[in-house]
């Protein structure tokens, strides 16, 4: 920064210097917004995490999605992993702080959900462990970082890297980015919700509510496609024993038959 500039001028100069190159990398946010809108509209979930100031911004993002940015709409599923203080402290105590996000990703993440991680350095071990867990689970991984190259950018599927050496400027443009991401989500959501969903699989052939009458003339009640006692209408009575001369306890008409054990019930 130039000598003699006030802190205000220095800060604004750094921010201004980053705006033009940021404008170029921020183009990807429209695509992210469309993909996130499709994921959330189809029942998917966004998981986010960060450390320090990045944690606050990640939580800001989930607040905009679960709440609203401007116009009212249906709430969207988004979880800030660092905000679960009991889970974070328990996992940190039992497994180490490097695992505080990875374990939650394994708990909450489902295939095709999205994990978004925020970091000015792109070098936080707990975020890198979270990416490993997400990839194993089948999540897509995005990152907001500072300048590249950095380990988090290399580990994720896609990255928005703010080209500024000043971590304060990086975080400020991350805030702009999350607001833009929400703008694009809200823009695409109405279109996504009008698209037809994939047809559900055809059900198996229906099983009748009643089966033909049993040997004694009584109908056999059906539960989940089978008679209540789990036996088919092939001569079995309601208690699961065949109509072959055995009574309910495996005995003959007048008592147990010599040399034979009763049928198990």
Protein backbone atom coordinates (compact mmCIF):
# COMPACT_ATOMS: atom_id res chain seq x y z
CA UNK A 1 0.00 0.00 0.00
CA UNK A 2 1.10 3.58 -0.61
CA UNK A 3 2.92 5.34 2.19
CA UNK A 4 0.98 8.09 3.90
CA UNK A 5 -2.46 6.66 3.08
CA UNK A 6 -4.97 6.43 5.89
CA UNK A 7 -6.21 2.98 6.96
CA UNK A 8 -9.45 3.74 5.13
CA UNK A 9 -7.71 4.63 1.89
CA UNK A 10 -5.38 1.66 2.17
CA UNK A 11 -8.25 -0.74 2.67
CA UNK A 12 -10.36 0.69 -0.13
CA UNK A 13 -7.36 0.71 -2.46
CA UNK A 14 -6.80 -2.99 -1.83
CA UNK A 15 -10.48 -3.73 -2.37
CA UNK A 16 -10.57 -1.71 -5.58
CA UNK A 17 -7.48 -3.47 -6.90
CA UNK A 18 -9.16 -6.85 -6.42
CA UNK A 19 -12.52 -5.97 -8.00
CA UNK A 20 -11.61 -6.29 -11.68
CA UNK A 21 -9.90 -9.70 -11.44
CA UNK A 22 -12.67 -10.81 -9.04
CA UNK A 23 -15.24 -9.90 -11.70
CA UNK A 24 -13.68 -12.49 -13.99
CA UNK A 25 -13.64 -15.38 -11.49
CA UNK A 26 -17.14 -14.55 -10.17
CA UNK A 27 -18.69 -15.50 -13.52
CA UNK A 28 -18.80 -19.11 -12.33
CA UNK A 29 -21.36 -18.19 -9.63
CA UNK A 30 -24.25 -18.24 -12.10
CA UNK A 31 -23.51 -21.88 -12.90
CA UNK A 32 -23.10 -22.71 -9.22
CA UNK A 33 -26.41 -21.06 -8.47
CA UNK A 34 -28.23 -23.08 -11.11
CA UNK A 35 -26.68 -26.34 -9.89
CA UNK A 36 -27.42 -25.53 -6.26
CA UNK A 37 -31.02 -24.61 -7.10
CA UNK A 38 -31.55 -27.96 -8.84
CA UNK A 39 -29.98 -29.83 -5.93
CA UNK A 40 -32.05 -28.11 -3.26
CA UNK A 41 -35.30 -28.20 -5.23
CA UNK A 42 -34.92 -31.97 -5.65
CA UNK A 43 -34.47 -32.63 -1.94
CA UNK A 44 -30.69 -32.30 -1.71
CA UNK A 45 -28.74 -30.38 0.89
CA UNK A 46 -25.94 -27.85 1.13
CA UNK A 47 -23.32 -28.32 3.84
CA UNK A 48 -20.96 -25.43 4.58
CA UNK A 49 -18.05 -24.86 6.94
CA UNK A 50 -15.19 -22.52 7.68
CA UNK A 51 -12.95 -21.32 10.50
CA UNK A 52 -13.04 -17.93 12.21
CA UNK A 53 -14.37 -15.17 9.96
CA UNK A 54 -15.02 -17.72 7.23
CA UNK A 55 -17.21 -19.65 9.67
CA UNK A 56 -19.29 -16.53 10.22
CA UNK A 57 -19.70 -16.07 6.47
CA UNK A 58 -20.61 -19.72 5.93
CA UNK A 59 -23.30 -19.36 8.57
CA UNK A 60 -24.48 -16.18 6.87
CA UNK A 61 -25.02 -18.22 3.69
CA UNK A 62 -27.13 -20.86 5.39
CA UNK A 63 -29.23 -18.13 7.02
CA UNK A 64 -30.03 -16.68 3.59
CA UNK A 65 -31.07 -20.08 2.24
CA UNK A 66 -33.09 -21.34 5.19
CA UNK A 67 -34.56 -17.87 5.63
CA UNK A 68 -34.62 -15.65 2.55
CA UNK A 69 -32.47 -13.20 0.65
CA UNK A 70 -35.21 -10.80 -0.49
CA UNK A 71 -38.47 -12.35 -1.60
CA UNK A 72 -40.32 -14.96 0.40
CA UNK A 73 -39.94 -18.54 -0.79
CA UNK A 74 -39.86 -22.10 0.50
CA UNK A 75 -36.96 -22.68 2.95
CA UNK A 76 -33.98 -24.55 1.52
CA UNK A 77 -31.91 -27.19 3.31
CA UNK A 78 -28.51 -25.79 4.31
CA UNK A 79 -26.42 -26.64 7.39
CA UNK A 80 -23.44 -24.76 8.80
CA UNK A 81 -21.34 -27.55 10.31
CA UNK A 82 -19.33 -25.31 12.64
CA UNK A 83 -22.52 -23.91 14.21
CA UNK A 84 -23.32 -27.26 15.88
CA UNK A 85 -21.29 -26.39 18.97
CA UNK A 86 -21.97 -29.53 20.98
CA UNK A 87 -21.04 -31.74 18.03
CA UNK A 88 -17.94 -29.67 17.24
CA UNK A 89 -16.66 -29.76 20.81
CA UNK A 90 -17.50 -33.43 21.32
CA UNK A 91 -15.84 -34.49 18.06
CA UNK A 92 -12.87 -32.24 18.73
CA UNK A 93 -12.46 -33.72 22.19
CA UNK A 94 -12.89 -37.36 21.14
CA UNK A 95 -11.35 -37.42 17.65
CA UNK A 96 -9.29 -34.22 17.36
CA UNK A 97 -10.10 -30.85 15.82
CA UNK A 98 -9.05 -32.00 12.37
CA UNK A 99 -12.12 -34.28 12.29
CA UNK A 100 -14.81 -31.80 13.42
CA UNK A 101 -16.19 -31.29 9.91
CA UNK A 102 -15.35 -34.62 8.30
CA UNK A 103 -17.38 -36.60 10.82
CA UNK A 104 -20.39 -34.33 10.33
CA UNK A 105 -20.10 -34.67 6.56
CA UNK A 106 -20.33 -38.44 6.97
CA UNK A 107 -23.35 -38.01 9.23
CA UNK A 108 -25.35 -35.49 7.19
CA UNK A 109 -24.06 -35.74 3.64
CA UNK A 110 -25.78 -37.81 0.98
CA UNK A 111 -24.72 -38.62 -2.56
CA UNK A 112 -25.06 -35.59 -4.85
CA UNK A 113 -25.38 -33.11 -1.98
CA UNK A 114 -23.00 -30.15 -2.12
CA UNK A 115 -20.25 -29.23 0.33
CA UNK A 116 -19.05 -25.61 0.22
CA UNK A 117 -15.95 -24.71 2.24
CA UNK A 118 -14.66 -21.20 2.90
CA UNK A 119 -11.04 -20.36 3.67
CA UNK A 120 -8.76 -17.40 2.99
CA UNK A 121 -5.65 -19.61 3.06
CA UNK A 122 -7.07 -22.81 1.59
CA UNK A 123 -4.78 -24.76 3.90
CA UNK A 124 -6.92 -25.66 6.94
CA UNK A 125 -6.54 -29.34 7.73
CA UNK A 126 -10.08 -29.76 9.07
CA UNK A 127 -11.47 -28.47 5.77
CA UNK A 128 -9.23 -30.77 3.75
CA UNK A 129 -10.40 -33.74 5.84
CA UNK A 130 -13.98 -32.68 5.15
CA UNK A 131 -13.30 -32.80 1.40
CA UNK A 132 -11.92 -36.33 1.73
CA UNK A 133 -15.05 -37.44 3.60
CA UNK A 134 -17.30 -35.71 1.07
CA UNK A 135 -15.65 -37.34 -1.92
CA UNK A 136 -15.94 -40.77 -0.28
CA UNK A 137 -19.65 -40.12 0.32
CA UNK A 138 -20.34 -38.83 -3.19
CA UNK A 139 -20.82 -35.11 -2.50
CA UNK A 140 -19.73 -32.36 -4.88
CA UNK A 141 -17.15 -30.05 -3.32
CA UNK A 142 -16.82 -26.31 -3.90
CA UNK A 143 -14.56 -23.80 -2.19
CA UNK A 144 -14.27 -20.06 -1.65
CA UNK A 145 -10.57 -19.35 -1.10
CA UNK A 146 -7.90 -16.70 -1.45
CA UNK A 147 -5.33 -16.79 -4.24
CA UNK A 148 -4.44 -20.09 -5.86
CA UNK A 149 -2.67 -22.45 -5.85
CA UNK A 150 -3.71 -23.76 -2.47
CA UNK A 151 -4.50 -27.28 -1.19
CA UNK A 152 -8.26 -26.73 -0.77
CA UNK A 153 -8.67 -25.44 -4.30
CA UNK A 154 -6.83 -28.47 -5.65
CA UNK A 155 -8.92 -30.90 -3.58
CA UNK A 156 -12.36 -29.55 -4.55
CA UNK A 157 -14.29 -30.02 -7.78
CA UNK A 158 -14.50 -26.27 -8.35
CA UNK A 159 -13.23 -23.12 -6.64
CA UNK A 160 -13.86 -19.40 -6.55
CA UNK A 161 -10.46 -17.95 -5.66
CA UNK A 162 -10.40 -14.26 -4.78
CA UNK A 163 -7.17 -12.80 -6.25
CA UNK A 164 -6.03 -10.65 -3.34
CA UNK A 165 -3.15 -11.08 -0.89
CA UNK A 166 -5.19 -9.35 1.85
CA UNK A 167 -7.30 -11.82 3.87
CA UNK A 168 -9.72 -9.04 4.81
CA UNK A 169 -10.41 -8.27 1.16
CA UNK A 170 -10.77 -11.98 0.45
CA UNK A 171 -13.43 -12.34 3.14
CA UNK A 172 -15.26 -9.22 1.96
CA UNK A 173 -15.48 -10.58 -1.56
CA UNK A 174 -16.54 -13.97 -0.21
CA UNK A 175 -19.49 -12.12 1.33
CA UNK A 176 -20.30 -10.59 -2.05
CA UNK A 177 -20.00 -14.07 -3.56
CA UNK A 178 -22.43 -15.73 -1.18
CA UNK A 179 -24.99 -12.99 -1.79
CA UNK A 180 -24.60 -13.43 -5.54
CA UNK A 181 -24.89 -17.21 -5.17
CA UNK A 182 -28.20 -16.77 -3.37
CA UNK A 183 -29.38 -14.31 -6.05
CA UNK A 184 -28.72 -16.91 -8.74
CA UNK A 185 -30.41 -19.66 -6.71
CA UNK A 186 -33.55 -17.54 -6.32
CA UNK A 187 -33.47 -16.68 -10.01
CA UNK A 188 -33.35 -20.31 -11.14
CA UNK A 189 -35.62 -21.93 -8.52
CA UNK A 190 -38.97 -21.06 -10.19
CA UNK A 191 -37.77 -22.56 -13.48
CA UNK A 192 -36.43 -25.72 -11.83
CA UNK A 193 -39.66 -26.31 -9.94
CA UNK A 194 -41.67 -26.27 -13.17
CA UNK A 195 -39.55 -28.96 -14.80
CA UNK A 196 -41.01 -32.49 -14.74
CA UNK A 197 -39.28 -34.85 -12.37
CA UNK A 198 -38.13 -38.31 -13.40
CA UNK A 199 -40.97 -40.81 -13.35
CA UNK A 200 -41.09 -43.01 -10.28
CA UNK A 201 -40.34 -46.72 -10.83
CA UNK A 202 -43.39 -48.80 -11.68
CA UNK A 203 -44.63 -50.78 -8.68
CA UNK A 204 -44.53 -54.53 -8.63
CA UNK A 205 -47.70 -56.39 -9.53
CA UNK A 206 -50.31 -55.77 -6.91
CA UNK A 207 -51.01 -58.43 -4.30
CA UNK A 208 -54.74 -58.93 -3.57
CA UNK A 209 -56.03 -57.91 -0.17
CA UNK A 210 -57.46 -61.41 0.26
CA UNK A 211 -56.24 -64.83 -0.76
CA UNK A 212 -58.55 -67.72 -1.68
CA UNK A 213 -60.19 -69.51 1.21
CA UNK A 214 -58.11 -72.06 3.09
CA UNK A 215 -58.87 -75.72 3.57
CA UNK A 216 -61.34 -74.93 6.33
CA UNK A 217 -63.25 -72.48 4.17
CA UNK A 218 -61.96 -69.38 5.97
CA UNK A 219 -60.17 -66.55 4.18
CA UNK A 220 -56.54 -65.95 5.08
CA UNK A 221 -55.78 -62.39 6.15
CA UNK A 222 -52.93 -60.80 4.21
CA UNK A 223 -50.14 -58.67 5.69
CA UNK A 224 -47.51 -57.31 3.28
CA UNK A 225 -48.49 -59.81 0.64
CA UNK A 226 -48.43 -62.85 2.93
CA UNK A 227 -50.97 -64.42 5.24
CA UNK A 228 -50.72 -63.05 8.77
CA UNK A 229 -48.73 -66.08 9.95
CA UNK A 230 -46.35 -65.98 6.96
CA UNK A 231 -47.67 -69.14 5.26
CA UNK A 232 -49.22 -69.46 1.84
CA UNK A 233 -52.61 -70.92 0.91
CA UNK A 234 -51.22 -74.38 0.19
CA UNK A 235 -53.04 -76.30 2.84
CA UNK A 236 -51.56 -74.43 5.78
CA UNK A 237 -53.98 -73.43 8.46
CA UNK A 238 -53.99 -70.00 10.14
CA UNK A 239 -51.54 -71.08 12.82
CA UNK A 240 -48.88 -72.13 10.34
CA UNK A 241 -49.41 -75.92 10.65
CA UNK A 242 -50.43 -78.07 7.77
CA UNK A 243 -53.82 -79.74 7.48
CA UNK A 244 -52.17 -83.15 7.59
CA UNK A 245 -53.62 -84.43 10.80
CA UNK A 246 -51.57 -82.33 13.16
CA UNK A 247 -53.16 -80.00 15.63
CA UNK A 248 -51.88 -76.55 16.60
CA UNK A 249 -49.21 -78.05 18.86
CA UNK A 250 -48.04 -80.70 16.38
CA UNK A 251 -50.22 -83.44 17.82
CA UNK A 252 -52.63 -85.72 16.05
CA UNK A 253 -56.40 -85.42 16.40
CA UNK A 254 -56.36 -87.12 19.83
CA UNK A 255 -52.88 -86.33 21.07
CA UNK A 256 -49.22 -86.48 20.15
CA UNK A 257 -48.20 -89.14 17.69
CA UNK A 258 -45.66 -91.64 19.03
CA UNK A 259 -42.08 -91.07 17.96
CA UNK A 260 -42.69 -87.61 16.53
CA UNK A 261 -42.00 -84.19 17.89
CA UNK A 262 -44.52 -81.49 17.51
CA UNK A 263 -44.10 -79.01 14.70
CA UNK A 264 -42.34 -75.87 15.88
CA UNK A 265 -44.54 -72.83 16.23
